[in-house]
Amino acid sequence: MSPRSTNYSSQFQEDTFAYSNFFYKHVGGSYLEVGGLDGVTLSNTMWMHHALDWRGLLIEGSPISFSKLVKNRPNDINVHAAICGNRTIVHFVDEQIAFGSAVSGIYEFMSPKFRERWHGSSQLKDMLEVVCVPLTELLTFYSIRHIDFFSLDVEGGELGVLQALDFNCVTFNVIVVEADGTNPEKDSAVRELLKSKGYNFHSRAVHNDWFVRRGWTPSKAPP
């Protein structure tokens, strides 16, 4: 069984990588996807949901994508919000360009290089205002203490999400964090932070950094 044998696929085969390296034949697991889009397009958890009966929490800031998410993933917990350190209002760029909503995100969190590449003509006054909440607050509200697979892709805001997360309240077996190269300082800081929280850097695969909880033993597919 392989994620490539179905129509459900991640952008850079993250689902295949996760299954083959960490969750081989793991049925009934749990996931957290921050940056869930519509729950299907470029989803890192869609295949697990359908093929392995996994369930979890999907968080998406785009109103357009979220309206589709609740229809596409009705058996998951779906939350319309952005994630940051403190409750506040942020501006969401939701332009359907290039990869569509996959390059949408919180304007305040994007690196200057990313803004220029994808949203150079965007004006703050034209952007959507979205509530931004700490991830710990949502996990506490839904009584979530452990997640098997945490996928974090918020177009530049990954470090802020992790800095505000109370790792004493929740554990993860595997964390994948987008690291597209537009902000190397951020990527390095994410590695150092997760190392200090008990998560070993596993590997870099395309535009993602993978981390494994220290002391946890993955289930790896045979060669």
C-alpha atoms as a PDB file:
ATOM      1  CA  MET A   1       0.000   0.000   0.000  1.00  0.00           C
ATOM      2  CA  SER A   2       1.331   3.420  -0.959  1.00  0.00           C
ATOM      3  CA  PRO A   3      -0.084   6.961  -1.086  1.00  0.00           C
ATOM      4  CA  ARG A   4       0.987   7.100  -4.746  1.00  0.00           C
ATOM      5  CA  SER A   5      -1.547   4.366  -5.511  1.00  0.00           C
ATOM      6  CA  THR A   6      -4.440   6.743  -4.841  1.00  0.00           C
ATOM      7  CA  ASN A   7      -5.532  10.151  -6.084  1.00  0.00           C
ATOM      8  CA  TYR A   8      -4.718  11.780  -2.761  1.00  0.00           C
ATOM      9  CA  SER A   9      -1.294  13.372  -2.758  1.00  0.00           C
ATOM     10  CA  SER A  10       0.785  16.040  -1.100  1.00  0.00           C
ATOM     11  CA  GLN A  11       2.610  18.696  -3.083  1.00  0.00           C
ATOM     12  CA  PHE A  12       6.029  17.088  -2.677  1.00  0.00           C
ATOM     13  CA  GLN A  13       4.998  13.540  -1.660  1.00  0.00           C
ATOM     14  CA  GLU A  14       5.008  14.341   2.045  1.00  0.00           C
ATOM     15  CA  ASP A  15       2.325  11.682   2.573  1.00  0.00           C
ATOM     16  CA  THR A  16       4.526   9.023   0.962  1.00  0.00           C
ATOM     17  CA  PHE A  17       7.538  10.133   2.995  1.00  0.00           C
ATOM     18  CA  ALA A  18       5.604  10.099   6.268  1.00  0.00           C
ATOM     19  CA  TYR A  19       4.079   6.685   5.618  1.00  0.00           C
ATOM     20  CA  SER A  20       7.284   5.016   4.412  1.00  0.00           C
ATOM     21  CA  ASN A  21       9.608   6.462   7.044  1.00  0.00           C
ATOM     22  CA  PHE A  22       7.463   6.751  10.164  1.00  0.00           C
ATOM     23  CA  PHE A  23       3.946   5.321   9.983  1.00  0.00           C
ATOM     24  CA  TYR A  24       4.146   2.123   7.950  1.00  0.00           C
ATOM     25  CA  LYS A  25       0.885   0.166   8.415  1.00  0.00           C
ATOM     26  CA  HIS A  26      -0.150   2.543  11.212  1.00  0.00           C
ATOM     27  CA  VAL A  27      -3.957   2.550  11.180  1.00  0.00           C
ATOM     28  CA  GLY A  28      -6.153   4.906  13.179  1.00  0.00           C
ATOM     29  CA  GLY A  29      -3.585   7.580  13.922  1.00  0.00           C
ATOM     30  CA  SER A  30      -4.038  11.286  14.555  1.00  0.00           C
ATOM     31  CA  TYR A  31      -2.873  14.401  12.744  1.00  0.00           C
ATOM     32  CA  LEU A  32      -2.744  18.151  13.096  1.00  0.00           C
ATOM     33  CA  GLU A  33      -2.495  20.151   9.885  1.00  0.00           C
ATOM     34  CA  VAL A  34      -1.960  23.884  10.261  1.00  0.00           C
ATOM     35  CA  GLY A  35      -2.486  25.255   6.786  1.00  0.00           C
ATOM     36  CA  GLY A  36      -5.099  22.717   5.767  1.00  0.00           C
ATOM     37  CA  LEU A  37      -6.283  24.532   2.621  1.00  0.00           C
ATOM     38  CA  ASP A  38      -9.454  22.797   1.368  1.00  0.00           C
ATOM     39  CA  GLY A  39      -8.532  19.438   2.884  1.00  0.00           C
ATOM     40  CA  VAL A  40      -7.813  17.874  -0.507  1.00  0.00           C
ATOM     41  CA  THR A  41      -5.565  20.102  -2.600  1.00  0.00           C
ATOM     42  CA  LEU A  42      -1.901  19.494  -1.678  1.00  0.00           C
ATOM     43  CA  SER A  43      -3.033  17.979   1.616  1.00  0.00           C
ATOM     44  CA  ASN A  44      -0.441  16.136   3.697  1.00  0.00           C
ATOM     45  CA  THR A  45      -3.128  14.226   5.610  1.00  0.00           C
ATOM     46  CA  MET A  46      -5.829  13.381   3.051  1.00  0.00           C
ATOM     47  CA  TRP A  47      -4.389   9.987   2.153  1.00  0.00           C
ATOM     48  CA  MET A  48      -3.977   9.011   5.808  1.00  0.00           C
ATOM     49  CA  HIS A  49      -7.570  10.019   6.416  1.00  0.00           C
ATOM     50  CA  HIS A  50      -8.971   7.818   3.645  1.00  0.00           C
ATOM     51  CA  ALA A  51      -6.554   4.891   3.459  1.00  0.00           C
ATOM     52  CA  LEU A  52      -5.581   4.494   7.108  1.00  0.00           C
ATOM     53  CA  ASP A  53      -8.636   5.843   8.932  1.00  0.00           C
ATOM     54  CA  TRP A  54      -6.742   8.669  10.619  1.00  0.00           C
ATOM     55  CA  ARG A  55      -8.556  11.650  12.142  1.00  0.00           C
ATOM     56  CA  GLY A  56      -7.484  14.992  13.502  1.00  0.00           C
ATOM     57  CA  LEU A  57      -7.559  18.767  13.624  1.00  0.00           C
ATOM     58  CA  LEU A  58      -7.313  20.901  10.482  1.00  0.00           C
ATOM     59  CA  ILE A  59      -6.764  24.657  10.763  1.00  0.00           C
ATOM     60  CA  GLU A  60      -7.153  27.048   7.833  1.00  0.00           C
ATOM     61  CA  GLY A  61      -7.144  30.844   7.731  1.00  0.00           C
ATOM     62  CA  SER A  62      -8.568  31.390   4.260  1.00  0.00           C
ATOM     63  CA  PRO A  63     -12.362  31.828   4.264  1.00  0.00           C
ATOM     64  CA  ILE A  64     -12.506  30.533   0.695  1.00  0.00           C
ATOM     65  CA  SER A  65     -10.517  27.383   1.412  1.00  0.00           C
ATOM     66  CA  PHE A  66     -12.215  26.807   4.767  1.00  0.00           C
ATOM     67  CA  SER A  67     -15.688  26.739   3.197  1.00  0.00           C
ATOM     68  CA  LYS A  68     -14.466  23.833   1.060  1.00  0.00           C
ATOM     69  CA  LEU A  69     -12.567  22.208   3.916  1.00  0.00           C
ATOM     70  CA  VAL A  70     -15.663  21.631   6.042  1.00  0.00           C
ATOM     71  CA  LYS A  71     -17.334  19.892   3.098  1.00  0.00           C
ATOM     72  CA  ASN A  72     -14.326  17.816   2.094  1.00  0.00           C
ATOM     73  CA  ARG A  73     -13.325  16.664   5.594  1.00  0.00           C
ATOM     74  CA  PRO A  74     -16.539  16.449   7.657  1.00  0.00           C
ATOM     75  CA  ASN A  75     -15.155  13.763   9.985  1.00  0.00           C
ATOM     76  CA  ASP A  76     -12.285  15.946  11.188  1.00  0.00           C
ATOM     77  CA  ILE A  77     -12.262  18.922  13.551  1.00  0.00           C
ATOM     78  CA  ASN A  78     -12.058  21.949  11.254  1.00  0.00           C
ATOM     79  CA  VAL A  79     -11.191  25.402  12.585  1.00  0.00           C
ATOM     80  CA  HIS A  80     -11.238  28.681  10.684  1.00  0.00           C
ATOM     81  CA  ALA A  81      -8.413  30.706  12.207  1.00  0.00           C
ATOM     82  CA  ALA A  82      -4.837  31.788  11.820  1.00  0.00           C
ATOM     83  CA  ILE A  83      -2.255  30.684  14.386  1.00  0.00           C
ATOM     84  CA  CYS A  84       0.119  33.034  16.205  1.00  0.00           C
ATOM     85  CA  GLY A  85       1.493  33.890  19.646  1.00  0.00           C
ATOM     86  CA  ASN A  86      -1.348  35.996  20.999  1.00  0.00           C
ATOM     87  CA  ARG A  87      -4.962  36.582  20.082  1.00  0.00           C
ATOM     88  CA  THR A  88      -5.000  39.352  17.507  1.00  0.00           C
ATOM     89  CA  ILE A  89      -6.260  40.322  14.069  1.00  0.00           C
ATOM     90  CA  VAL A  90      -4.019  39.706  11.055  1.00  0.00           C
ATOM     91  CA  HIS A  91      -4.332  40.207   7.318  1.00  0.00           C
ATOM     92  CA  PHE A  92      -4.824  37.222   5.051  1.00  0.00           C
ATOM     93  CA  VAL A  93      -3.705  37.318   1.423  1.00  0.00           C
ATOM     94  CA  ASP A  94      -6.121  35.047  -0.420  1.00  0.00           C
ATOM     95  CA  GLU A  95      -5.239  35.518  -4.071  1.00  0.00           C
ATOM     96  CA  GLN A  96      -5.845  32.621  -6.448  1.00  0.00           C
ATOM     97  CA  ILE A  97      -2.526  32.880  -8.292  1.00  0.00           C
ATOM     98  CA  ALA A  98       0.091  30.394  -9.418  1.00  0.00           C
ATOM     99  CA  PHE A  99      -0.457  27.502  -6.966  1.00  0.00           C
ATOM    100  CA  GLY A 100      -3.705  29.194  -5.905  1.00  0.00           C
ATOM    101  CA  SER A 101      -4.417  29.203  -2.202  1.00  0.00           C
ATOM    102  CA  ALA A 102      -1.199  27.266  -1.540  1.00  0.00           C
ATOM    103  CA  VAL A 103       0.705  30.569  -1.543  1.00  0.00           C
ATOM    104  CA  SER A 104      -1.958  32.412   0.408  1.00  0.00           C
ATOM    105  CA  GLY A 105      -1.286  33.188   4.039  1.00  0.00           C
ATOM    106  CA  ILE A 106      -0.812  35.776   6.751  1.00  0.00           C
ATOM    107  CA  TYR A 107       0.824  38.835   5.228  1.00  0.00           C
ATOM    108  CA  GLU A 108       2.514  39.824   8.484  1.00  0.00           C
ATOM    109  CA  PHE A 109       4.293  36.450   8.685  1.00  0.00           C
ATOM    110  CA  MET A 110       5.646  36.291   5.130  1.00  0.00           C
ATOM    111  CA  SER A 111       9.301  37.003   4.443  1.00  0.00           C
ATOM    112  CA  PRO A 112      10.007  40.037   2.220  1.00  0.00           C
ATOM    113  CA  LYS A 113      11.289  37.681  -0.475  1.00  0.00           C
ATOM    114  CA  PHE A 114       8.092  35.617  -0.400  1.00  0.00           C
ATOM    115  CA  ARG A 115       5.892  38.736  -0.467  1.00  0.00           C
ATOM    116  CA  GLU A 116       7.732  40.114  -3.460  1.00  0.00           C
ATOM    117  CA  ARG A 117       7.578  36.835  -5.361  1.00  0.00           C
ATOM    118  CA  TRP A 118       3.898  36.035  -4.866  1.00  0.00           C
ATOM    119  CA  HIS A 119       2.148  39.147  -3.588  1.00  0.00           C
ATOM    120  CA  GLY A 120       4.107  42.129  -4.858  1.00  0.00           C
ATOM    121  CA  SER A 121       0.994  44.030  -5.931  1.00  0.00           C
ATOM    122  CA  SER A 122      -1.112  43.238  -2.844  1.00  0.00           C
ATOM    123  CA  GLN A 123      -2.383  46.130  -0.725  1.00  0.00           C
ATOM    124  CA  LEU A 124      -3.048  45.797   3.011  1.00  0.00           C
ATOM    125  CA  LYS A 125      -6.381  47.623   2.691  1.00  0.00           C
ATOM    126  CA  ASP A 126      -7.645  44.958   0.286  1.00  0.00           C
ATOM    127  CA  MET A 127      -6.759  41.968   2.471  1.00  0.00           C
ATOM    128  CA  LEU A 128      -9.113  39.933   4.632  1.00  0.00           C
ATOM    129  CA  GLU A 129      -8.945  40.330   8.398  1.00  0.00           C
ATOM    130  CA  VAL A 130      -8.704  37.000  10.233  1.00  0.00           C
ATOM    131  CA  VAL A 131      -8.650  36.115  13.925  1.00  0.00           C
ATOM    132  CA  CYS A 132      -5.245  34.783  14.972  1.00  0.00           C
ATOM    133  CA  VAL A 133      -5.090  32.541  18.066  1.00  0.00           C
ATOM    134  CA  PRO A 134      -2.371  30.565  19.903  1.00  0.00           C
ATOM    135  CA  LEU A 135      -2.230  26.895  18.932  1.00  0.00           C
ATOM    136  CA  THR A 136      -2.089  25.845  22.585  1.00  0.00           C
ATOM    137  CA  GLU A 137      -5.465  27.489  23.128  1.00  0.00           C
ATOM    138  CA  LEU A 138      -7.097  25.361  20.428  1.00  0.00           C
ATOM    139  CA  LEU A 139      -5.442  22.134  21.541  1.00  0.00           C
ATOM    140  CA  THR A 140      -6.580  22.765  25.111  1.00  0.00           C
ATOM    141  CA  PHE A 141     -10.113  23.577  23.998  1.00  0.00           C
ATOM    142  CA  TYR A 142     -10.389  20.261  22.132  1.00  0.00           C
ATOM    143  CA  SER A 143      -8.574  18.324  24.908  1.00  0.00           C
ATOM    144  CA  ILE A 144      -5.800  17.208  22.564  1.00  0.00           C
ATOM    145  CA  ARG A 145      -2.694  16.007  24.417  1.00  0.00           C
ATOM    146  CA  HIS A 146      -0.972  13.913  21.765  1.00  0.00           C
ATOM    147  CA  ILE A 147      -0.740  13.944  17.960  1.00  0.00           C
ATOM    148  CA  ASP A 148       1.032  11.392  15.781  1.00  0.00           C
ATOM    149  CA  PHE A 149       1.717  13.667  12.809  1.00  0.00           C
ATOM    150  CA  PHE A 150       1.956  17.469  12.925  1.00  0.00           C
ATOM    151  CA  SER A 151       2.116  19.218   9.541  1.00  0.00           C
ATOM    152  CA  LEU A 152       2.949  22.938   9.717  1.00  0.00           C
ATOM    153  CA  ASP A 153       2.809  25.077   6.578  1.00  0.00           C
ATOM    154  CA  VAL A 154       1.814  28.706   7.083  1.00  0.00           C
ATOM    155  CA  GLU A 155       3.959  30.516   4.502  1.00  0.00           C
ATOM    156  CA  GLY A 156       6.614  31.993   6.756  1.00  0.00           C
ATOM    157  CA  GLY A 157       4.859  31.964  10.122  1.00  0.00           C
ATOM    158  CA  GLU A 158       6.116  28.561  11.267  1.00  0.00           C
ATOM    159  CA  LEU A 159       8.613  29.830  13.838  1.00  0.00           C
ATOM    160  CA  GLY A 160       6.065  32.076  15.536  1.00  0.00           C
ATOM    161  CA  VAL A 161       3.581  29.204  15.789  1.00  0.00           C
ATOM    162  CA  LEU A 162       6.162  26.942  17.438  1.00  0.00           C
ATOM    163  CA  GLN A 163       7.550  29.621  19.758  1.00  0.00           C
ATOM    164  CA  ALA A 164       4.078  30.202  21.192  1.00  0.00           C
ATOM    165  CA  LEU A 165       3.253  26.495  21.559  1.00  0.00           C
ATOM    166  CA  ASP A 166       3.380  25.042  25.078  1.00  0.00           C
ATOM    167  CA  PHE A 167       5.193  21.753  24.492  1.00  0.00           C
ATOM    168  CA  ASN A 168       4.374  20.702  28.053  1.00  0.00           C
ATOM    169  CA  CYS A 169       0.722  20.424  27.032  1.00  0.00           C
ATOM    170  CA  VAL A 170       1.085  18.278  23.919  1.00  0.00           C
ATOM    171  CA  THR A 171       3.454  15.788  22.299  1.00  0.00           C
ATOM    172  CA  PHE A 172       3.955  14.841  18.664  1.00  0.00           C
ATOM    173  CA  ASN A 173       5.660  11.822  17.171  1.00  0.00           C
ATOM    174  CA  VAL A 174       6.592  13.489  13.891  1.00  0.00           C
ATOM    175  CA  ILE A 175       6.635  17.146  12.867  1.00  0.00           C
ATOM    176  CA  VAL A 176       7.079  18.393   9.312  1.00  0.00           C
ATOM    177  CA  VAL A 177       7.728  22.114   8.862  1.00  0.00           C
ATOM    178  CA  GLU A 178       7.808  23.948   5.559  1.00  0.00           C
ATOM    179  CA  ALA A 179      11.294  25.285   4.820  1.00  0.00           C
ATOM    180  CA  ASP A 180      11.182  26.688   1.300  1.00  0.00           C
ATOM    181  CA  GLY A 181      14.504  28.515   1.494  1.00  0.00           C
ATOM    182  CA  THR A 182      13.135  32.063   1.364  1.00  0.00           C
ATOM    183  CA  ASN A 183      14.072  32.629   5.019  1.00  0.00           C
ATOM    184  CA  PRO A 184      17.066  30.473   6.051  1.00  0.00           C
ATOM    185  CA  GLU A 185      17.348  32.229   9.418  1.00  0.00           C
ATOM    186  CA  LYS A 186      13.805  31.174  10.260  1.00  0.00           C
ATOM    187  CA  ASP A 187      14.472  27.594   9.191  1.00  0.00           C
ATOM    188  CA  SER A 188      17.584  27.434  11.377  1.00  0.00           C
ATOM    189  CA  ALA A 189      15.727  28.899  14.347  1.00  0.00           C
ATOM    190  CA  VAL A 190      12.973  26.283  13.942  1.00  0.00           C
ATOM    191  CA  ARG A 191      15.560  23.499  14.086  1.00  0.00           C
ATOM    192  CA  GLU A 192      17.149  24.897  17.227  1.00  0.00           C
ATOM    193  CA  LEU A 193      13.793  25.424  18.929  1.00  0.00           C
ATOM    194  CA  LEU A 194      12.523  21.919  18.220  1.00  0.00           C
ATOM    195  CA  LYS A 195      15.829  20.412  19.305  1.00  0.00           C
ATOM    196  CA  SER A 196      15.466  22.191  22.640  1.00  0.00           C
ATOM    197  CA  LYS A 197      11.935  20.786  22.975  1.00  0.00           C
ATOM    198  CA  GLY A 198      12.991  17.167  22.454  1.00  0.00           C
ATOM    199  CA  TYR A 199      12.588  16.744  18.700  1.00  0.00           C
ATOM    200  CA  ASN A 200      15.532  15.497  16.663  1.00  0.00           C
ATOM    201  CA  PHE A 201      16.066  16.720  13.130  1.00  0.00           C
ATOM    202  CA  HIS A 202      15.504  13.736  10.847  1.00  0.00           C
ATOM    203  CA  SER A 203      16.032  15.044   7.325  1.00  0.00           C
ATOM    204  CA  ARG A 204      15.418  17.720   4.746  1.00  0.00           C
ATOM    205  CA  ALA A 205      13.167  16.615   1.897  1.00  0.00           C
ATOM    206  CA  VAL A 206      12.492  19.113  -0.908  1.00  0.00           C
ATOM    207  CA  HIS A 207      10.891  22.113   0.848  1.00  0.00           C
ATOM    208  CA  ASN A 208      10.356  20.516   4.253  1.00  0.00           C
ATOM    209  CA  ASP A 209      12.274  19.777   7.436  1.00  0.00           C
ATOM    210  CA  TRP A 210      11.285  16.603   9.299  1.00  0.00           C
ATOM    211  CA  PHE A 211      11.599  16.081  13.057  1.00  0.00           C
ATOM    212  CA  VAL A 212      11.051  13.040  15.286  1.00  0.00           C
ATOM    213  CA  ARG A 213      10.308  13.024  19.003  1.00  0.00           C
ATOM    214  CA  ARG A 214      13.303  11.840  20.977  1.00  0.00           C
ATOM    215  CA  GLY A 215      12.673   8.343  22.338  1.00  0.00           C
ATOM    216  CA  TRP A 216       9.905   7.448  19.881  1.00  0.00           C
ATOM    217  CA  THR A 217      10.489   4.531  17.499  1.00  0.00           C
ATOM    218  CA  PRO A 218       9.132   4.969  13.955  1.00  0.00           C
ATOM    219  CA  SER A 219       7.591   2.154  11.949  1.00  0.00           C
ATOM    220  CA  LYS A 220       9.576   2.128   8.707  1.00  0.00           C
ATOM    221  CA  ALA A 221       8.622   0.361   5.484  1.00  0.00           C
ATOM    222  CA  PRO A 222      10.968  -2.444   4.393  1.00  0.00           C
ATOM    223  CA  PRO A 223      13.415  -1.604   1.589  1.00  0.00           C
END
